[in-house]
């Protein structure tokens, strides 16, 4: 099986390059540069989760909501993204798994 390591993702019609590099955190979004930086030390499901996490940040930036959240309170955006990834992320993964298990033969 081929390892998951995308070079780019498309979010709301905008292409974001995935740049793998040595970094302290797992990932970071550069919304103006349309880049998602990802630690070159992570892989598999941690990599998937990181790209989804940064993709949610990208969605907030593209929609303009990121600017509102940033003005309300520091770290509010990060708190919302982490809540989404902790609650909806596992739910969505499970639903997609069941869907493909039951519909793709």
N, C-alpha and C. Protein backbone atom coordinates (compact mmCIF):
# COMPACT_ATOMS: atom_id res chain seq x y z
N UNK A 1 0.84 -1.18 0.00
CA UNK A 1 0.00 0.00 0.00
C UNK A 1 0.89 1.25 0.00
N UNK A 2 0.54 2.20 -0.85
CA UNK A 2 1.31 3.43 -0.98
C UNK A 2 1.05 4.33 0.23
N UNK A 3 2.10 4.98 0.72
CA UNK A 3 1.98 5.86 1.87
C UNK A 3 1.22 7.14 1.50
N UNK A 4 0.42 7.61 2.42
CA UNK A 4 -0.31 8.87 2.25
C UNK A 4 0.66 10.04 2.44
N UNK A 5 0.87 10.80 1.39
CA UNK A 5 1.74 11.98 1.48
C UNK A 5 1.39 12.93 0.33
N UNK A 6 0.25 13.65 0.47
CA UNK A 6 -0.18 14.52 -0.63
C UNK A 6 0.77 15.70 -0.83
N UNK A 7 0.83 16.17 -2.07
CA UNK A 7 1.64 17.34 -2.41
C UNK A 7 0.81 18.62 -2.40
N UNK A 8 -0.50 18.46 -2.52
CA UNK A 8 -1.39 19.61 -2.45
C UNK A 8 -2.80 19.13 -2.11
N UNK A 9 -3.59 20.08 -1.60
CA UNK A 9 -5.00 19.83 -1.34
C UNK A 9 -5.80 21.00 -1.89
N UNK A 10 -7.05 20.77 -2.20
CA UNK A 10 -7.92 21.84 -2.67
C UNK A 10 -9.02 22.06 -1.64
N UNK A 11 -9.13 23.31 -1.21
CA UNK A 11 -10.12 23.67 -0.20
C UNK A 11 -10.93 24.84 -0.76
N UNK A 12 -12.22 24.63 -0.92
CA UNK A 12 -13.12 25.65 -1.47
C UNK A 12 -12.59 26.20 -2.79
N UNK A 13 -12.05 25.32 -3.61
CA UNK A 13 -11.56 25.71 -4.93
C UNK A 13 -10.17 26.33 -4.94
N UNK A 14 -9.55 26.45 -3.79
CA UNK A 14 -8.20 27.02 -3.69
C UNK A 14 -7.19 25.90 -3.45
N UNK A 15 -6.15 25.88 -4.26
CA UNK A 15 -5.10 24.87 -4.09
C UNK A 15 -4.09 25.34 -3.04
N UNK A 16 -3.79 24.46 -2.11
CA UNK A 16 -2.79 24.70 -1.08
C UNK A 16 -1.68 23.68 -1.26
N UNK A 17 -0.45 24.16 -1.43
CA UNK A 17 0.71 23.26 -1.52
C UNK A 17 1.00 22.71 -0.13
N UNK A 18 1.37 21.44 -0.07
CA UNK A 18 1.79 20.83 1.19
C UNK A 18 3.32 20.85 1.18
N UNK A 19 3.91 21.52 2.15
CA UNK A 19 5.37 21.64 2.24
C UNK A 19 5.82 20.87 3.48
N UNK A 20 6.62 19.85 3.26
CA UNK A 20 7.13 19.03 4.36
C UNK A 20 8.48 19.60 4.78
N UNK A 21 8.63 19.86 6.09
CA UNK A 21 9.88 20.43 6.55
C UNK A 21 10.09 20.12 8.03
N UNK A 22 11.31 20.36 8.48
CA UNK A 22 11.62 20.18 9.89
C UNK A 22 10.97 21.34 10.65
N UNK A 23 10.16 20.99 11.63
CA UNK A 23 9.49 22.02 12.43
C UNK A 23 9.10 21.47 13.79
N UNK A 24 8.90 22.37 14.73
CA UNK A 24 8.55 21.99 16.10
C UNK A 24 7.13 21.44 16.19
N UNK A 25 6.18 22.15 15.57
CA UNK A 25 4.77 21.73 15.60
C UNK A 25 4.50 20.70 14.51
N UNK A 26 3.32 20.12 14.53
CA UNK A 26 2.93 19.17 13.48
C UNK A 26 2.64 19.89 12.17
N UNK A 27 1.98 21.06 12.26
CA UNK A 27 1.60 21.75 11.04
C UNK A 27 1.36 23.22 11.28
N UNK A 28 1.31 23.96 10.17
CA UNK A 28 1.07 25.39 10.24
C UNK A 28 0.52 25.85 8.89
N UNK A 29 -0.44 26.75 8.93
CA UNK A 29 -1.05 27.27 7.72
C UNK A 29 -0.48 28.63 7.36
N UNK A 30 -0.15 28.81 6.09
CA UNK A 30 0.16 30.12 5.53
C UNK A 30 -0.96 30.40 4.55
N UNK A 31 -2.02 31.07 5.04
CA UNK A 31 -3.20 31.25 4.19
C UNK A 31 -2.93 32.19 3.03
N UNK A 32 -2.13 33.23 3.24
CA UNK A 32 -1.83 34.16 2.15
C UNK A 32 -0.98 33.49 1.07
N UNK A 33 -0.04 32.66 1.47
CA UNK A 33 0.84 31.96 0.52
C UNK A 33 0.24 30.67 -0.02
N UNK A 34 -0.95 30.32 0.47
CA UNK A 34 -1.64 29.08 0.06
C UNK A 34 -0.74 27.86 0.27
N UNK A 35 -0.16 27.78 1.48
CA UNK A 35 0.71 26.65 1.82
C UNK A 35 0.33 26.09 3.19
N UNK A 36 0.44 24.78 3.28
CA UNK A 36 0.31 24.11 4.57
C UNK A 36 1.66 23.47 4.84
N UNK A 37 2.29 23.92 5.91
CA UNK A 37 3.58 23.35 6.31
C UNK A 37 3.31 22.19 7.26
N UNK A 38 4.00 21.09 7.02
CA UNK A 38 3.79 19.89 7.82
C UNK A 38 5.16 19.34 8.24
N UNK A 39 5.24 18.89 9.48
CA UNK A 39 6.48 18.29 9.96
C UNK A 39 6.84 17.08 9.12
N UNK A 40 8.10 17.01 8.73
CA UNK A 40 8.54 15.86 7.94
C UNK A 40 8.74 14.60 8.79
N UNK A 41 8.46 14.69 10.07
CA UNK A 41 8.62 13.53 10.96
C UNK A 41 7.32 12.77 11.18
N UNK A 42 6.19 13.31 10.74
CA UNK A 42 4.92 12.62 10.98
C UNK A 42 4.48 11.88 9.71
N UNK A 43 3.65 10.85 9.92
CA UNK A 43 3.15 10.08 8.78
C UNK A 43 1.85 9.39 9.16
N UNK A 44 1.30 8.70 8.19
CA UNK A 44 0.08 7.90 8.36
C UNK A 44 -1.08 8.74 8.90
N UNK A 45 -1.77 8.21 9.89
CA UNK A 45 -2.98 8.89 10.37
C UNK A 45 -2.68 10.22 11.05
N UNK A 46 -1.51 10.36 11.66
CA UNK A 46 -1.14 11.64 12.26
C UNK A 46 -0.99 12.70 11.16
N UNK A 47 -0.42 12.31 10.04
CA UNK A 47 -0.30 13.21 8.90
C UNK A 47 -1.68 13.60 8.38
N UNK A 48 -2.55 12.63 8.21
CA UNK A 48 -3.92 12.91 7.76
C UNK A 48 -4.61 13.87 8.72
N UNK A 49 -4.53 13.59 10.01
CA UNK A 49 -5.17 14.45 11.01
C UNK A 49 -4.60 15.87 10.98
N UNK A 50 -3.31 15.99 10.76
CA UNK A 50 -2.67 17.31 10.70
C UNK A 50 -3.15 18.08 9.47
N UNK A 51 -3.23 17.42 8.34
CA UNK A 51 -3.69 18.10 7.13
C UNK A 51 -5.16 18.51 7.27
N UNK A 52 -5.97 17.67 7.88
CA UNK A 52 -7.37 18.04 8.13
C UNK A 52 -7.44 19.23 9.09
N UNK A 53 -6.63 19.21 10.13
CA UNK A 53 -6.59 20.31 11.11
C UNK A 53 -6.23 21.62 10.41
N UNK A 54 -5.17 21.60 9.63
CA UNK A 54 -4.74 22.82 8.93
C UNK A 54 -5.76 23.21 7.85
N UNK A 55 -6.41 22.23 7.26
CA UNK A 55 -7.45 22.49 6.28
C UNK A 55 -8.63 23.22 6.90
N UNK A 56 -8.94 22.90 8.14
CA UNK A 56 -10.03 23.60 8.84
C UNK A 56 -9.63 25.05 9.09
N UNK A 57 -8.36 25.28 9.46
CA UNK A 57 -7.87 26.65 9.58
C UNK A 57 -8.02 27.38 8.24
N UNK A 58 -7.68 26.70 7.15
CA UNK A 58 -7.78 27.29 5.81
C UNK A 58 -9.23 27.66 5.50
N UNK A 59 -10.16 26.78 5.84
CA UNK A 59 -11.58 27.05 5.61
C UNK A 59 -12.01 28.31 6.37
N UNK A 60 -11.57 28.44 7.61
CA UNK A 60 -11.91 29.62 8.39
C UNK A 60 -11.30 30.88 7.78
N UNK A 61 -10.07 30.79 7.31
CA UNK A 61 -9.40 31.94 6.69
C UNK A 61 -10.10 32.33 5.39
N UNK A 62 -10.40 31.36 4.55
CA UNK A 62 -11.03 31.64 3.26
C UNK A 62 -12.43 32.24 3.43
N UNK A 63 -13.13 31.82 4.46
CA UNK A 63 -14.49 32.30 4.69
C UNK A 63 -14.53 33.68 5.36
N UNK A 64 -13.39 34.11 5.90
CA UNK A 64 -13.35 35.37 6.64
C UNK A 64 -13.61 35.20 8.12
N UNK A 65 -14.07 34.03 8.52
CA UNK A 65 -14.37 33.81 9.94
C UNK A 65 -13.12 33.84 10.81
N UNK A 66 -11.99 33.46 10.24
CA UNK A 66 -10.74 33.47 11.00
C UNK A 66 -10.40 34.86 11.51
N UNK A 67 -10.69 35.88 10.71
CA UNK A 67 -10.40 37.25 11.12
C UNK A 67 -11.30 37.69 12.27
N UNK A 68 -12.55 37.28 12.22
CA UNK A 68 -13.49 37.61 13.29
C UNK A 68 -13.06 36.92 14.58
N UNK A 69 -12.75 35.64 14.49
CA UNK A 69 -12.35 34.87 15.67
C UNK A 69 -11.09 35.43 16.30
N UNK A 70 -10.16 35.85 15.47
CA UNK A 70 -8.89 36.40 15.94
C UNK A 70 -9.12 37.70 16.70
N UNK A 71 -10.13 38.49 16.27
CA UNK A 71 -10.43 39.76 16.93
C UNK A 71 -11.15 39.56 18.26
N UNK A 72 -11.90 38.47 18.39
CA UNK A 72 -12.67 38.23 19.60
C UNK A 72 -11.76 37.83 20.76
N UNK A 73 -10.91 36.85 20.52
CA UNK A 73 -10.02 36.37 21.58
C UNK A 73 -8.89 35.57 20.95
N UNK A 74 -7.67 35.81 21.43
CA UNK A 74 -6.55 34.99 20.98
C UNK A 74 -6.85 33.53 21.26
N UNK A 75 -6.48 32.69 20.36
CA UNK A 75 -6.61 31.24 20.50
C UNK A 75 -8.03 30.70 20.36
N UNK A 76 -9.02 31.56 20.11
CA UNK A 76 -10.39 31.06 19.92
C UNK A 76 -10.47 30.18 18.67
N UNK A 77 -9.82 30.61 17.59
CA UNK A 77 -9.83 29.80 16.38
C UNK A 77 -9.21 28.43 16.64
N UNK A 78 -8.07 28.41 17.33
CA UNK A 78 -7.41 27.12 17.60
C UNK A 78 -8.29 26.24 18.47
N UNK A 79 -8.98 26.83 19.43
CA UNK A 79 -9.89 26.06 20.28
C UNK A 79 -11.01 25.43 19.46
N UNK A 80 -11.58 26.20 18.53
CA UNK A 80 -12.65 25.67 17.67
C UNK A 80 -12.14 24.56 16.75
N UNK A 81 -10.97 24.77 16.19
CA UNK A 81 -10.40 23.74 15.30
C UNK A 81 -10.13 22.47 16.07
N UNK A 82 -9.60 22.59 17.26
CA UNK A 82 -9.32 21.39 18.07
C UNK A 82 -10.61 20.70 18.51
N UNK A 83 -11.63 21.47 18.82
CA UNK A 83 -12.92 20.86 19.17
C UNK A 83 -13.46 20.08 17.97
N UNK A 84 -13.40 20.67 16.80
CA UNK A 84 -13.86 20.01 15.58
C UNK A 84 -13.07 18.71 15.35
N UNK A 85 -11.74 18.81 15.44
CA UNK A 85 -10.93 17.63 15.14
C UNK A 85 -11.13 16.52 16.19
N UNK A 86 -11.39 16.90 17.42
CA UNK A 86 -11.56 15.90 18.48
C UNK A 86 -12.92 15.22 18.44
N UNK A 87 -13.93 15.96 18.00
CA UNK A 87 -15.29 15.43 18.03
C UNK A 87 -15.75 14.97 16.64
N UNK A 88 -15.67 15.85 15.67
CA UNK A 88 -16.16 15.51 14.33
C UNK A 88 -15.18 14.68 13.52
N UNK A 89 -13.89 14.89 13.74
CA UNK A 89 -12.90 14.12 12.98
C UNK A 89 -13.10 12.62 13.10
N UNK A 90 -13.10 12.08 14.32
CA UNK A 90 -13.31 10.64 14.47
C UNK A 90 -14.68 10.18 13.95
N UNK A 91 -15.70 10.99 14.15
CA UNK A 91 -17.03 10.65 13.66
C UNK A 91 -17.03 10.54 12.14
N UNK A 92 -16.46 11.52 11.46
CA UNK A 92 -16.43 11.50 9.99
C UNK A 92 -15.60 10.33 9.46
N UNK A 93 -14.46 10.08 10.08
CA UNK A 93 -13.62 8.94 9.65
C UNK A 93 -14.40 7.63 9.76
N UNK A 94 -15.11 7.46 10.85
CA UNK A 94 -15.88 6.24 11.06
C UNK A 94 -17.01 6.12 10.03
N UNK A 95 -17.69 7.22 9.76
CA UNK A 95 -18.78 7.19 8.79
C UNK A 95 -18.27 6.89 7.38
N UNK A 96 -17.15 7.51 6.99
CA UNK A 96 -16.57 7.21 5.67
C UNK A 96 -16.12 5.75 5.59
N UNK A 97 -15.55 5.25 6.66
CA UNK A 97 -15.12 3.84 6.70
C UNK A 97 -16.31 2.91 6.49
N UNK A 98 -17.39 3.16 7.20
CA UNK A 98 -18.60 2.34 7.06
C UNK A 98 -19.21 2.48 5.67
N UNK A 99 -19.23 3.70 5.17
CA UNK A 99 -19.79 3.93 3.84
C UNK A 99 -19.04 3.14 2.79
N UNK A 100 -17.72 3.27 2.79
CA UNK A 100 -16.93 2.57 1.77
C UNK A 100 -16.93 1.06 1.97
N UNK A 101 -17.00 0.61 3.21
CA UNK A 101 -17.06 -0.82 3.48
C UNK A 101 -18.35 -1.41 2.94
N UNK A 102 -19.43 -0.66 3.03
CA UNK A 102 -20.73 -1.18 2.63
C UNK A 102 -21.14 -0.88 1.20
N UNK A 103 -20.48 0.07 0.54
CA UNK A 103 -20.91 0.43 -0.80
C UNK A 103 -19.89 0.11 -1.89
N UNK A 104 -18.63 0.03 -1.54
CA UNK A 104 -17.59 -0.26 -2.54
C UNK A 104 -17.27 -1.74 -2.46
N UNK A 105 -17.50 -2.42 -3.54
CA UNK A 105 -17.26 -3.87 -3.59
C UNK A 105 -16.06 -4.17 -4.42
